[in-house]
Amino acid sequence: MIPAQALLDSAAYYLQVKDFDPDQVLELKLLGMGDGAE
């Protein structure tokens, strides 16, 4: 198992996305839908 933050850090580094924000990750938004977060 790999921590989500490690995957996000790797994606931001290798994809070189400018102003990367974890809120841009669809899967994280879907996971947050169940807990009432917006």
PDB file of N, CA and C in Angstrom:
ATOM      1  N   MET A   1       0.842  -1.170   0.000  1.00  0.00           N
ATOM      2  CA  MET A   1       0.000   0.000   0.000  1.00  0.00           C
ATOM      3  C   MET A   1       0.896   1.244   0.000  1.00  0.00           C
ATOM      4  N   ILE A   2       0.425   2.274  -0.682  1.00  0.00           N
ATOM      5  CA  ILE A   2       1.177   3.526  -0.794  1.00  0.00           C
ATOM      6  C   ILE A   2       0.297   4.670  -0.280  1.00  0.00           C
ATOM      7  N   PRO A   3       0.840   5.535   0.555  1.00  0.00           N
ATOM      8  CA  PRO A   3       0.057   6.685   1.020  1.00  0.00           C
ATOM      9  C   PRO A   3      -0.357   7.586  -0.152  1.00  0.00           C
ATOM     10  N   ALA A   4      -1.570   8.104  -0.098  1.00  0.00           N
ATOM     11  CA  ALA A   4      -2.082   8.962  -1.165  1.00  0.00           C
ATOM     12  C   ALA A   4      -1.186  10.178  -1.382  1.00  0.00           C
ATOM     13  N   GLN A   5      -0.642  10.734  -0.307  1.00  0.00           N
ATOM     14  CA  GLN A   5       0.200  11.926  -0.455  1.00  0.00           C
ATOM     15  C   GLN A   5       1.447  11.620  -1.275  1.00  0.00           C
ATOM     16  N   ALA A   6       1.997  10.419  -1.150  1.00  0.00           N
ATOM     17  CA  ALA A   6       3.160  10.038  -1.950  1.00  0.00           C
ATOM     18  C   ALA A   6       2.798   9.993  -3.434  1.00  0.00           C
ATOM     19  N   LEU A   7       1.624   9.491  -3.752  1.00  0.00           N
ATOM     20  CA  LEU A   7       1.176   9.463  -5.145  1.00  0.00           C
ATOM     21  C   LEU A   7       0.954  10.877  -5.680  1.00  0.00           C
ATOM     22  N   LEU A   8       0.356  11.725  -4.857  1.00  0.00           N
ATOM     23  CA  LEU A   8       0.112  13.104  -5.281  1.00  0.00           C
ATOM     24  C   LEU A   8       1.417  13.859  -5.495  1.00  0.00           C
ATOM     25  N   ASP A   9       2.370  13.662  -4.602  1.00  0.00           N
ATOM     26  CA  ASP A   9       3.671  14.321  -4.740  1.00  0.00           C
ATOM     27  C   ASP A   9       4.385  13.860  -6.009  1.00  0.00           C
ATOM     28  N   SER A  10       4.332  12.563  -6.284  1.00  0.00           N
ATOM     29  CA  SER A  10       4.967  12.019  -7.485  1.00  0.00           C
ATOM     30  C   SER A  10       4.300  12.552  -8.745  1.00  0.00           C
ATOM     31  N   ALA A  11       2.978  12.583  -8.748  1.00  0.00           N
ATOM     32  CA  ALA A  11       2.250  13.094  -9.914  1.00  0.00           C
ATOM     33  C   ALA A  11       2.589  14.556 -10.163  1.00  0.00           C
ATOM     34  N   ALA A  12       2.603  15.355  -9.121  1.00  0.00           N
ATOM     35  CA  ALA A  12       2.914  16.779  -9.270  1.00  0.00           C
ATOM     36  C   ALA A  12       4.326  16.971  -9.815  1.00  0.00           C
ATOM     37  N   TYR A  13       5.263  16.159  -9.349  1.00  0.00           N
ATOM     38  CA  TYR A  13       6.654  16.291  -9.781  1.00  0.00           C
ATOM     39  C   TYR A  13       6.835  15.841 -11.236  1.00  0.00           C
ATOM     40  N   TYR A  14       6.376  14.627 -11.547  1.00  0.00           N
ATOM     41  CA  TYR A  14       6.638  14.068 -12.868  1.00  0.00           C
ATOM     42  C   TYR A  14       5.757  14.657 -13.962  1.00  0.00           C
ATOM     43  N   LEU A  15       4.536  15.032 -13.643  1.00  0.00           N
ATOM     44  CA  LEU A  15       3.666  15.635 -14.648  1.00  0.00           C
ATOM     45  C   LEU A  15       3.924  17.129 -14.794  1.00  0.00           C
ATOM     46  N   GLN A  16       4.629  17.702 -13.819  1.00  0.00           N
ATOM     47  CA  GLN A  16       4.987  19.122 -13.813  1.00  0.00           C
ATOM     48  C   GLN A  16       3.765  20.007 -14.037  1.00  0.00           C
ATOM     49  N   VAL A  17       2.701  19.699 -13.291  1.00  0.00           N
ATOM     50  CA  VAL A  17       1.474  20.478 -13.360  1.00  0.00           C
ATOM     51  C   VAL A  17       1.679  21.769 -12.570  1.00  0.00           C
ATOM     52  N   LYS A  18       1.432  22.889 -13.214  1.00  0.00           N
ATOM     53  CA  LYS A  18       1.597  24.184 -12.552  1.00  0.00           C
ATOM     54  C   LYS A  18       0.455  24.386 -11.559  1.00  0.00           C
ATOM     55  N   ASP A  19       0.785  24.814 -10.355  1.00  0.00           N
ATOM     56  CA  ASP A  19      -0.192  25.074  -9.293  1.00  0.00           C
ATOM     57  C   ASP A  19      -1.065  23.855  -9.004  1.00  0.00           C
ATOM     58  N   PHE A  20      -0.439  22.694  -8.924  1.00  0.00           N
ATOM     59  CA  PHE A  20      -1.182  21.459  -8.644  1.00  0.00           C
ATOM     60  C   PHE A  20      -1.828  21.534  -7.268  1.00  0.00           C
ATOM     61  N   ASP A  21      -3.080  21.103  -7.198  1.00  0.00           N
ATOM     62  CA  ASP A  21      -3.843  21.099  -5.958  1.00  0.00           C
ATOM     63  C   ASP A  21      -4.536  19.741  -5.834  1.00  0.00           C
ATOM     64  N   PRO A  22      -4.398  19.053  -4.706  1.00  0.00           N
ATOM     65  CA  PRO A  22      -5.059  17.754  -4.539  1.00  0.00           C
ATOM     66  C   PRO A  22      -6.572  17.816  -4.756  1.00  0.00           C
ATOM     67  N   ASP A  23      -7.170  18.989  -4.631  1.00  0.00           N
ATOM     68  CA  ASP A  23      -8.606  19.123  -4.888  1.00  0.00           C
ATOM     69  C   ASP A  23      -8.946  18.913  -6.360  1.00  0.00           C
ATOM     70  N   GLN A  24      -7.932  18.889  -7.222  1.00  0.00           N
ATOM     71  CA  GLN A  24      -8.149  18.660  -8.644  1.00  0.00           C
ATOM     72  C   GLN A  24      -8.253  17.170  -8.970  1.00  0.00           C
ATOM     73  N   VAL A  25      -8.002  16.306  -8.009  1.00  0.00           N
ATOM     74  CA  VAL A  25      -8.023  14.863  -8.238  1.00  0.00           C
ATOM     75  C   VAL A  25      -9.449  14.354  -8.046  1.00  0.00           C
ATOM     76  N   LEU A  26     -10.022  13.828  -9.117  1.00  0.00           N
ATOM     77  CA  LEU A  26     -11.410  13.384  -9.113  1.00  0.00           C
ATOM     78  C   LEU A  26     -11.686  12.341  -8.038  1.00  0.00           C
ATOM     79  N   GLU A  27     -10.793  11.373  -7.896  1.00  0.00           N
ATOM     80  CA  GLU A  27     -11.007  10.303  -6.930  1.00  0.00           C
ATOM     81  C   GLU A  27     -11.083  10.830  -5.499  1.00  0.00           C
ATOM     82  N   LEU A  28     -10.282  11.833  -5.187  1.00  0.00           N
ATOM     83  CA  LEU A  28     -10.322  12.406  -3.841  1.00  0.00           C
ATOM     84  C   LEU A  28     -11.635  13.143  -3.603  1.00  0.00           C
ATOM     85  N   LYS A  29     -12.146  13.798  -4.638  1.00  0.00           N
ATOM     86  CA  LYS A  29     -13.446  14.465  -4.513  1.00  0.00           C
ATOM     87  C   LYS A  29     -14.540  13.429  -4.276  1.00  0.00           C
ATOM     88  N   LEU A  30     -14.484  12.315  -5.007  1.00  0.00           N
ATOM     89  CA  LEU A  30     -15.497  11.273  -4.846  1.00  0.00           C
ATOM     90  C   LEU A  30     -15.432  10.652  -3.457  1.00  0.00           C
ATOM     91  N   LEU A  31     -14.228  10.447  -2.947  1.00  0.00           N
ATOM     92  CA  LEU A  31     -14.081   9.901  -1.598  1.00  0.00           C
ATOM     93  C   LEU A  31     -14.632  10.864  -0.561  1.00  0.00           C
ATOM     94  N   GLY A  32     -14.492  12.152  -0.793  1.00  0.00           N
ATOM     95  CA  GLY A  32     -14.963  13.159   0.143  1.00  0.00           C
ATOM     96  C   GLY A  32     -16.464  13.365   0.122  1.00  0.00           C
ATOM     97  N   MET A  33     -17.136  12.877  -0.913  1.00  0.00           N
ATOM     98  CA  MET A  33     -18.577  13.079  -1.016  1.00  0.00           C
ATOM     99  C   MET A  33     -19.344  12.375   0.093  1.00  0.00           C
ATOM    100  N   GLY A  34     -18.829  11.262   0.565  1.00  0.00           N
ATOM    101  CA  GLY A  34     -19.533  10.485   1.571  1.00  0.00           C
ATOM    102  C   GLY A  34     -19.481  11.074   2.961  1.00  0.00           C
ATOM    103  N   ASP A  35     -18.542  11.984   3.221  1.00  0.00           N
ATOM    104  CA  ASP A  35     -18.405  12.518   4.579  1.00  0.00           C
ATOM    105  C   ASP A  35     -18.982  13.922   4.740  1.00  0.00           C
ATOM    106  N   GLY A  36     -19.699  14.397   3.736  1.00  0.00           N
ATOM    107  CA  GLY A  36     -20.329  15.707   3.829  1.00  0.00           C
ATOM    108  C   GLY A  36     -19.413  16.860   3.488  1.00  0.00           C
ATOM    109  N   ALA A  37     -18.179  16.584   3.090  1.00  0.00           N
ATOM    110  CA  ALA A  37     -17.234  17.639   2.720  1.00  0.00           C
ATOM    111  C   ALA A  37     -17.597  18.189   1.348  1.00  0.00           C
ATOM    112  N   GLU A  38     -17.309  19.464   1.149  1.00  0.00           N
ATOM    113  CA  GLU A  38     -17.550  20.072  -0.163  1.00  0.00           C
ATOM    114  C   GLU A  38     -16.292  20.701  -0.678  1.00  0.00           C
TER     115      GLU A  38
END
